[in-house]
Amino acid sequence: MELDGKIFLFDGHSNVGQRGDLEFIADRLSDPKQYTVQLPSEKLYLRVTKSLDTPDNLEKLYRLIEHYPGKMPVIIYREKKKQALLLKSNRWISFNNNVQSQLKDFLGEKSVFLKKD
């Protein structure tokens, strides 16, 4: 098998070699493509501003999202941490005018963005 220029996922353990150097013994070699998922073309982006980024507000946001379970991925951008997070599929949303209105009321008009590829 040709390995040059390819990326693989290794599962194994470390070992101390005969010369005292650290070795990695691969028990299993996998192609990482088997772990990837193709996301739907529509995604909901939510921006949490620094002033709203508190544990209580995040909990309220998650509860609101969970109230509308669906098949649209939700990506939350937290300004405070400069971090974007794709929520797990159990927190994907069924996006409609009602949930859009609630999210905009909570996060702000410019913090709710629906993107279609």
C-alpha atoms as a PDB file:
ATOM      1  CA  MET A   1       0.000   0.000   0.000  1.00  0.00           C
ATOM      2  CA  GLU A   2       1.370   3.430  -0.975  1.00  0.00           C
ATOM      3  CA  LEU A   3       1.360   5.723   2.075  1.00  0.00           C
ATOM      4  CA  ASP A   4       3.220   8.807   0.812  1.00  0.00           C
ATOM      5  CA  GLY A   5       1.137  11.995   0.890  1.00  0.00           C
ATOM      6  CA  LYS A   6      -1.911  10.347   2.466  1.00  0.00           C
ATOM      7  CA  ILE A   7      -3.552  10.932   5.832  1.00  0.00           C
ATOM      8  CA  PHE A   8      -4.507   8.007   8.044  1.00  0.00           C
ATOM      9  CA  LEU A   9      -6.000   7.507  11.484  1.00  0.00           C
ATOM     10  CA  PHE A  10      -3.854   5.276  13.694  1.00  0.00           C
ATOM     11  CA  ASP A  11      -5.053   3.304  16.681  1.00  0.00           C
ATOM     12  CA  GLY A  12      -2.276   1.822  18.768  1.00  0.00           C
ATOM     13  CA  HIS A  13      -0.051   2.145  21.775  1.00  0.00           C
ATOM     14  CA  SER A  14       3.317   3.546  22.761  1.00  0.00           C
ATOM     15  CA  ASN A  15       6.355   1.499  23.626  1.00  0.00           C
ATOM     16  CA  VAL A  16       9.935   2.145  24.703  1.00  0.00           C
ATOM     17  CA  GLY A  17      12.259   0.872  21.974  1.00  0.00           C
ATOM     18  CA  GLN A  18      15.501  -1.063  22.362  1.00  0.00           C
ATOM     19  CA  ARG A  19      17.525   2.181  22.246  1.00  0.00           C
ATOM     20  CA  GLY A  20      15.289   3.824  24.853  1.00  0.00           C
ATOM     21  CA  ASP A  21      13.393   5.980  22.357  1.00  0.00           C
ATOM     22  CA  LEU A  22       9.621   6.198  22.235  1.00  0.00           C
ATOM     23  CA  GLU A  23       7.890   4.117  19.549  1.00  0.00           C
ATOM     24  CA  PHE A  24       4.291   4.064  18.415  1.00  0.00           C
ATOM     25  CA  ILE A  25       2.935   0.612  17.562  1.00  0.00           C
ATOM     26  CA  ALA A  26      -0.045   0.813  15.197  1.00  0.00           C
ATOM     27  CA  ASP A  27      -2.677  -1.822  15.877  1.00  0.00           C
ATOM     28  CA  ARG A  28      -5.099  -0.499  13.275  1.00  0.00           C
ATOM     29  CA  LEU A  29      -4.862   1.880  10.325  1.00  0.00           C
ATOM     30  CA  SER A  30      -8.022   3.604   9.039  1.00  0.00           C
ATOM     31  CA  ASP A  31      -8.963   6.067   6.334  1.00  0.00           C
ATOM     32  CA  PRO A  32     -10.412   9.157   8.121  1.00  0.00           C
ATOM     33  CA  LYS A  33     -12.914   9.696   5.291  1.00  0.00           C
ATOM     34  CA  GLN A  34     -15.088   6.968   6.792  1.00  0.00           C
ATOM     35  CA  TYR A  35     -15.707   9.245   9.799  1.00  0.00           C
ATOM     36  CA  THR A  36     -16.776  12.327   7.851  1.00  0.00           C
ATOM     37  CA  VAL A  37     -20.369  13.353   7.244  1.00  0.00           C
ATOM     38  CA  GLN A  38     -21.702  15.467   4.394  1.00  0.00           C
ATOM     39  CA  LEU A  39     -23.706  18.324   5.930  1.00  0.00           C
ATOM     40  CA  PRO A  40     -26.970  19.478   4.363  1.00  0.00           C
ATOM     41  CA  SER A  41     -26.735  22.492   2.042  1.00  0.00           C
ATOM     42  CA  GLU A  42     -28.621  24.766   4.484  1.00  0.00           C
ATOM     43  CA  LYS A  43     -26.989  25.694   7.782  1.00  0.00           C
ATOM     44  CA  LEU A  44     -28.045  28.039  10.561  1.00  0.00           C
ATOM     45  CA  TYR A  45     -25.335  30.323  11.935  1.00  0.00           C
ATOM     46  CA  LEU A  46     -25.908  31.931  15.326  1.00  0.00           C
ATOM     47  CA  ARG A  47     -23.584  34.569  16.761  1.00  0.00           C
ATOM     48  CA  VAL A  48     -23.373  34.915  20.532  1.00  0.00           C
ATOM     49  CA  THR A  49     -21.990  38.350  21.369  1.00  0.00           C
ATOM     50  CA  LYS A  50     -19.648  38.890  24.297  1.00  0.00           C
ATOM     51  CA  SER A  51     -22.395  40.489  26.365  1.00  0.00           C
ATOM     52  CA  LEU A  52     -24.715  37.463  25.897  1.00  0.00           C
ATOM     53  CA  ASP A  53     -22.035  34.807  26.397  1.00  0.00           C
ATOM     54  CA  THR A  54     -22.914  33.586  29.886  1.00  0.00           C
ATOM     55  CA  PRO A  55     -23.722  30.055  31.078  1.00  0.00           C
ATOM     56  CA  ASP A  56     -27.360  31.025  31.727  1.00  0.00           C
ATOM     57  CA  ASN A  57     -27.823  32.545  28.273  1.00  0.00           C
ATOM     58  CA  LEU A  58     -26.155  29.599  26.547  1.00  0.00           C
ATOM     59  CA  GLU A  59     -28.459  27.246  28.426  1.00  0.00           C
ATOM     60  CA  LYS A  60     -31.484  29.304  27.288  1.00  0.00           C
ATOM     61  CA  LEU A  61     -30.203  29.205  23.704  1.00  0.00           C
ATOM     62  CA  TYR A  62     -29.747  25.423  23.789  1.00  0.00           C
ATOM     63  CA  ARG A  63     -33.234  24.963  25.256  1.00  0.00           C
ATOM     64  CA  LEU A  64     -34.703  27.122  22.486  1.00  0.00           C
ATOM     65  CA  ILE A  65     -32.871  25.104  19.827  1.00  0.00           C
ATOM     66  CA  GLU A  66     -33.922  21.786  21.397  1.00  0.00           C
ATOM     67  CA  HIS A  67     -37.567  22.950  21.367  1.00  0.00           C
ATOM     68  CA  TYR A  68     -37.456  22.817  17.533  1.00  0.00           C
ATOM     69  CA  PRO A  69     -35.650  19.556  16.669  1.00  0.00           C
ATOM     70  CA  GLY A  70     -34.935  19.075  12.993  1.00  0.00           C
ATOM     71  CA  LYS A  71     -32.409  18.320  10.282  1.00  0.00           C
ATOM     72  CA  MET A  72     -30.698  21.686   9.814  1.00  0.00           C
ATOM     73  CA  PRO A  73     -27.176  21.948  11.261  1.00  0.00           C
ATOM     74  CA  VAL A  74     -26.585  24.743  13.771  1.00  0.00           C
ATOM     75  CA  ILE A  75     -23.227  26.496  14.009  1.00  0.00           C
ATOM     76  CA  ILE A  76     -22.729  28.794  16.994  1.00  0.00           C
ATOM     77  CA  TYR A  77     -20.032  31.451  16.892  1.00  0.00           C
ATOM     78  CA  ARG A  78     -18.986  32.676  20.344  1.00  0.00           C
ATOM     79  CA  GLU A  79     -17.332  36.098  20.060  1.00  0.00           C
ATOM     80  CA  LYS A  80     -15.861  35.873  23.550  1.00  0.00           C
ATOM     81  CA  LYS A  81     -13.840  32.750  22.695  1.00  0.00           C
ATOM     82  CA  LYS A  82     -13.551  33.484  18.950  1.00  0.00           C
ATOM     83  CA  GLN A  83     -14.802  29.942  18.469  1.00  0.00           C
ATOM     84  CA  ALA A  84     -17.273  28.374  16.034  1.00  0.00           C
ATOM     85  CA  LEU A  85     -18.976  25.182  17.132  1.00  0.00           C
ATOM     86  CA  LEU A  86     -21.071  22.799  15.041  1.00  0.00           C
ATOM     87  CA  LEU A  87     -23.712  21.382  17.363  1.00  0.00           C
ATOM     88  CA  LYS A  88     -24.262  17.631  17.473  1.00  0.00           C
ATOM     89  CA  SER A  89     -27.098  16.331  15.308  1.00  0.00           C
ATOM     90  CA  ASN A  90     -29.386  15.947  18.349  1.00  0.00           C
ATOM     91  CA  ARG A  91     -29.335  19.772  18.528  1.00  0.00           C
ATOM     92  CA  TRP A  92     -30.047  20.413  14.855  1.00  0.00           C
ATOM     93  CA  ILE A  93     -33.086  22.554  14.244  1.00  0.00           C
ATOM     94  CA  SER A  94     -36.295  22.780  12.273  1.00  0.00           C
ATOM     95  CA  PHE A  95     -35.990  26.373  11.097  1.00  0.00           C
ATOM     96  CA  ASN A  96     -39.181  28.359  10.514  1.00  0.00           C
ATOM     97  CA  ASN A  97     -40.454  31.931  10.948  1.00  0.00           C
ATOM     98  CA  ASN A  98     -41.390  31.325  14.589  1.00  0.00           C
ATOM     99  CA  VAL A  99     -37.970  30.053  15.663  1.00  0.00           C
ATOM    100  CA  GLN A 100     -36.274  32.721  13.534  1.00  0.00           C
ATOM    101  CA  SER A 101     -38.208  35.420  15.359  1.00  0.00           C
ATOM    102  CA  GLN A 102     -37.382  33.961  18.782  1.00  0.00           C
ATOM    103  CA  LEU A 103     -33.684  33.632  17.953  1.00  0.00           C
ATOM    104  CA  LYS A 104     -33.503  37.203  16.624  1.00  0.00           C
ATOM    105  CA  ASP A 105     -35.272  38.514  19.740  1.00  0.00           C
ATOM    106  CA  PHE A 106     -32.784  36.673  21.940  1.00  0.00           C
ATOM    107  CA  LEU A 107     -29.506  37.108  20.010  1.00  0.00           C
ATOM    108  CA  GLY A 108     -30.190  40.208  17.943  1.00  0.00           C
ATOM    109  CA  GLU A 109     -31.283  40.846  14.361  1.00  0.00           C
ATOM    110  CA  LYS A 110     -27.781  40.503  12.863  1.00  0.00           C
ATOM    111  CA  SER A 111     -26.846  37.400  14.860  1.00  0.00           C
ATOM    112  CA  VAL A 112     -29.085  34.882  13.052  1.00  0.00           C
ATOM    113  CA  PHE A 113     -28.004  33.889   9.550  1.00  0.00           C
ATOM    114  CA  LEU A 114     -29.286  31.120   7.282  1.00  0.00           C
ATOM    115  CA  LYS A 115     -26.736  30.044   4.691  1.00  0.00           C
ATOM    116  CA  LYS A 116     -27.456  27.929   1.624  1.00  0.00           C
ATOM    117  CA  ASP A 117     -24.556  26.386  -0.299  1.00  0.00           C
END
